[in-house]
Amino acid sequence: MNSIVLVGRLGKDPETKQTPNGNTVTTMCIAVDRVGKDKQKETDWIDCTAFAKTGEIISGYCKKGSQVGVVGSLQTRTWKDDNGKNHKFTFVMVDKVELMGKAPEATEQSGDVPFEM
């Protein structure tokens, strides 16, 4: 089973691009805190990728500092560069995102974000 659930804050604004075949892909990096050595708080920076509507929701409602919950799977991509050197990139492929706290445009009347994707 390959399933991961994370709650954290975006370290920078999400980046959205279109693939050559017209699909939307959004990337983001979230800061996730954990207890490390000597019971001190440590932060892990987790790269995440979301496609289609999920990515559109992230890019439309999230910005640096937004708190999100993500559910997805851990994936790894490997490749060789032009010099023959091997590279490895591990990230979370986001299946579901929950916007936590107030949306950037939220007012006192609108309150918390009323949906998840």
C-alpha atoms as a PDB file:
ATOM      1  CA  MET A   1       0.000   0.000   0.000  1.00  0.00           C
ATOM      2  CA  ASN A   2       1.342   3.420  -0.959  1.00  0.00           C
ATOM      3  CA  SER A   3      -0.643   6.139   0.802  1.00  0.00           C
ATOM      4  CA  ILE A   4       0.500   9.346   2.449  1.00  0.00           C
ATOM      5  CA  VAL A   5      -1.374  12.035   4.402  1.00  0.00           C
ATOM      6  CA  LEU A   6       0.319  15.344   5.209  1.00  0.00           C
ATOM      7  CA  VAL A   7      -0.687  18.669   6.740  1.00  0.00           C
ATOM      8  CA  GLY A   8       1.579  21.639   6.228  1.00  0.00           C
ATOM      9  CA  ARG A   9       2.020  25.144   4.860  1.00  0.00           C
ATOM     10  CA  LEU A  10       3.101  26.165   1.375  1.00  0.00           C
ATOM     11  CA  GLY A  11       6.666  27.473   1.328  1.00  0.00           C
ATOM     12  CA  LYS A  12       5.996  29.534  -1.811  1.00  0.00           C
ATOM     13  CA  ASP A  13       3.157  30.154  -4.239  1.00  0.00           C
ATOM     14  CA  PRO A  14       2.149  27.048  -6.235  1.00  0.00           C
ATOM     15  CA  GLU A  15       3.293  26.878  -9.861  1.00  0.00           C
ATOM     16  CA  THR A  16       0.836  25.799 -12.555  1.00  0.00           C
ATOM     17  CA  LYS A  17       1.752  24.792 -16.105  1.00  0.00           C
ATOM     18  CA  GLN A  18       0.096  23.107 -19.053  1.00  0.00           C
ATOM     19  CA  THR A  19       1.479  19.857 -20.441  1.00  0.00           C
ATOM     20  CA  PRO A  20       1.964  19.597 -24.229  1.00  0.00           C
ATOM     21  CA  ASN A  21      -1.365  17.732 -24.460  1.00  0.00           C
ATOM     22  CA  GLY A  22      -3.190  20.488 -22.526  1.00  0.00           C
ATOM     23  CA  ASN A  23      -3.415  18.977 -19.043  1.00  0.00           C
ATOM     24  CA  THR A  24      -2.961  21.221 -16.019  1.00  0.00           C
ATOM     25  CA  VAL A  25      -0.160  20.316 -13.602  1.00  0.00           C
ATOM     26  CA  THR A  26       0.469  22.199 -10.356  1.00  0.00           C
ATOM     27  CA  THR A  27       3.557  21.825  -8.195  1.00  0.00           C
ATOM     28  CA  MET A  28       4.048  23.045  -4.646  1.00  0.00           C
ATOM     29  CA  CYS A  29       6.321  22.470  -1.702  1.00  0.00           C
ATOM     30  CA  ILE A  30       4.822  22.157   1.759  1.00  0.00           C
ATOM     31  CA  ALA A  31       6.555  22.513   5.101  1.00  0.00           C
ATOM     32  CA  VAL A  32       5.611  19.706   7.488  1.00  0.00           C
ATOM     33  CA  ASP A  33       6.758  19.868  11.107  1.00  0.00           C
ATOM     34  CA  ARG A  34       7.828  16.874  13.182  1.00  0.00           C
ATOM     35  CA  VAL A  35       9.601  16.210  16.454  1.00  0.00           C
ATOM     36  CA  GLY A  36      13.286  15.551  15.864  1.00  0.00           C
ATOM     37  CA  LYS A  37      16.352  15.023  18.018  1.00  0.00           C
ATOM     38  CA  ASP A  38      16.133  16.270  21.594  1.00  0.00           C
ATOM     39  CA  LYS A  39      12.384  16.759  21.066  1.00  0.00           C
ATOM     40  CA  GLN A  40      13.064  19.861  18.987  1.00  0.00           C
ATOM     41  CA  LYS A  41      10.735  20.836  16.143  1.00  0.00           C
ATOM     42  CA  GLU A  42      12.168  20.045  12.711  1.00  0.00           C
ATOM     43  CA  THR A  43      10.661  20.876   9.338  1.00  0.00           C
ATOM     44  CA  ASP A  44      10.620  18.664   6.262  1.00  0.00           C
ATOM     45  CA  TRP A  45      10.000  20.265   2.851  1.00  0.00           C
ATOM     46  CA  ILE A  46       7.849  17.930   0.750  1.00  0.00           C
ATOM     47  CA  ASP A  47       7.464  18.407  -3.020  1.00  0.00           C
ATOM     48  CA  CYS A  48       3.918  17.750  -4.248  1.00  0.00           C
ATOM     49  CA  THR A  49       2.326  17.511  -7.709  1.00  0.00           C
ATOM     50  CA  ALA A  50      -1.376  17.703  -8.580  1.00  0.00           C
ATOM     51  CA  PHE A  51      -3.120  17.364 -11.935  1.00  0.00           C
ATOM     52  CA  ALA A  52      -6.352  18.651 -13.453  1.00  0.00           C
ATOM     53  CA  LYS A  53      -9.061  20.057 -11.158  1.00  0.00           C
ATOM     54  CA  THR A  54      -7.123  19.347  -7.954  1.00  0.00           C
ATOM     55  CA  GLY A  55      -4.197  21.400  -9.264  1.00  0.00           C
ATOM     56  CA  GLU A  56      -6.529  24.163 -10.405  1.00  0.00           C
ATOM     57  CA  ILE A  57      -8.062  24.368  -6.898  1.00  0.00           C
ATOM     58  CA  ILE A  58      -4.597  24.607  -5.352  1.00  0.00           C
ATOM     59  CA  SER A  59      -3.439  27.338  -7.728  1.00  0.00           C
ATOM     60  CA  GLY A  60      -6.699  29.262  -7.393  1.00  0.00           C
ATOM     61  CA  TYR A  61      -7.015  29.256  -3.604  1.00  0.00           C
ATOM     62  CA  CYS A  62      -3.544  28.721  -2.149  1.00  0.00           C
ATOM     63  CA  LYS A  63      -0.510  30.931  -1.825  1.00  0.00           C
ATOM     64  CA  LYS A  64       2.671  31.024   0.232  1.00  0.00           C
ATOM     65  CA  GLY A  65       1.758  30.333   3.861  1.00  0.00           C
ATOM     66  CA  SER A  66      -1.588  28.630   3.119  1.00  0.00           C
ATOM     67  CA  GLN A  67      -2.232  25.550   5.235  1.00  0.00           C
ATOM     68  CA  VAL A  68      -3.281  22.439   3.312  1.00  0.00           C
ATOM     69  CA  GLY A  69      -3.922  18.790   3.966  1.00  0.00           C
ATOM     70  CA  VAL A  70      -2.985  16.432   1.147  1.00  0.00           C
ATOM     71  CA  VAL A  71      -3.680  12.767   0.502  1.00  0.00           C
ATOM     72  CA  GLY A  72      -1.726  10.991  -2.176  1.00  0.00           C
ATOM     73  CA  SER A  73       0.998   8.504  -2.988  1.00  0.00           C
ATOM     74  CA  LEU A  74       4.767   8.707  -2.773  1.00  0.00           C
ATOM     75  CA  GLN A  75       6.395   8.486  -6.201  1.00  0.00           C
ATOM     76  CA  THR A  76       9.973   8.496  -7.450  1.00  0.00           C
ATOM     77  CA  ARG A  77      11.314   9.469 -10.849  1.00  0.00           C
ATOM     78  CA  THR A  78      14.822   8.538 -11.990  1.00  0.00           C
ATOM     79  CA  TRP A  79      16.725   9.720 -15.056  1.00  0.00           C
ATOM     80  CA  LYS A  80      20.199  10.155 -16.510  1.00  0.00           C
ATOM     81  CA  ASP A  81      21.425  13.577 -17.537  1.00  0.00           C
ATOM     82  CA  ASP A  82      23.454  14.306 -20.664  1.00  0.00           C
ATOM     83  CA  ASN A  83      26.658  13.444 -18.772  1.00  0.00           C
ATOM     84  CA  GLY A  84      25.348  10.006 -17.771  1.00  0.00           C
ATOM     85  CA  LYS A  85      24.839  10.970 -14.118  1.00  0.00           C
ATOM     86  CA  ASN A  86      21.841   9.319 -12.404  1.00  0.00           C
ATOM     87  CA  HIS A  87      19.263  11.530 -10.695  1.00  0.00           C
ATOM     88  CA  LYS A  88      16.355  10.696  -8.416  1.00  0.00           C
ATOM     89  CA  PHE A  89      13.369  12.860  -7.446  1.00  0.00           C
ATOM     90  CA  THR A  90      10.783  11.802  -4.837  1.00  0.00           C
ATOM     91  CA  PHE A  91       7.460  13.614  -4.451  1.00  0.00           C
ATOM     92  CA  VAL A  92       3.840  13.215  -3.397  1.00  0.00           C
ATOM     93  CA  MET A  93       1.325  12.748  -6.206  1.00  0.00           C
ATOM     94  CA  VAL A  94      -1.713  14.516  -4.747  1.00  0.00           C
ATOM     95  CA  ASP A  95      -5.070  12.767  -5.122  1.00  0.00           C
ATOM     96  CA  LYS A  96      -7.029  14.945  -2.706  1.00  0.00           C
ATOM     97  CA  VAL A  97      -6.429  18.323  -1.088  1.00  0.00           C
ATOM     98  CA  GLU A  98      -8.207  20.004   1.796  1.00  0.00           C
ATOM     99  CA  LEU A  99      -7.822  23.732   2.230  1.00  0.00           C
ATOM    100  CA  MET A 100      -7.444  24.410   5.932  1.00  0.00           C
ATOM    101  CA  GLY A 101      -8.030  27.653   7.765  1.00  0.00           C
ATOM    102  CA  LYS A 102      -9.180  30.759   5.948  1.00  0.00           C
ATOM    103  CA  ALA A 103      -8.853  31.207   2.203  1.00  0.00           C
ATOM    104  CA  PRO A 104      -6.690  34.156   1.106  1.00  0.00           C
ATOM    105  CA  GLU A 105      -9.828  36.063  -0.015  1.00  0.00           C
ATOM    106  CA  ALA A 106     -11.897  35.092   3.050  1.00  0.00           C
ATOM    107  CA  THR A 107     -13.692  37.773   5.014  1.00  0.00           C
ATOM    108  CA  GLU A 108     -15.078  37.587   8.531  1.00  0.00           C
ATOM    109  CA  GLN A 109     -18.480  36.568   7.131  1.00  0.00           C
ATOM    110  CA  SER A 110     -17.191  33.828   4.822  1.00  0.00           C
ATOM    111  CA  GLY A 111     -15.159  31.981   7.462  1.00  0.00           C
ATOM    112  CA  ASP A 112     -13.384  28.726   6.695  1.00  0.00           C
ATOM    113  CA  VAL A 113     -13.020  27.250   3.245  1.00  0.00           C
ATOM    114  CA  PRO A 114     -16.243  25.223   2.786  1.00  0.00           C
ATOM    115  CA  PHE A 115     -14.981  22.398   0.591  1.00  0.00           C
ATOM    116  CA  GLU A 116     -12.291  19.897  -0.114  1.00  0.00           C
ATOM    117  CA  MET A 117     -11.168  18.423  -3.404  1.00  0.00           C
END
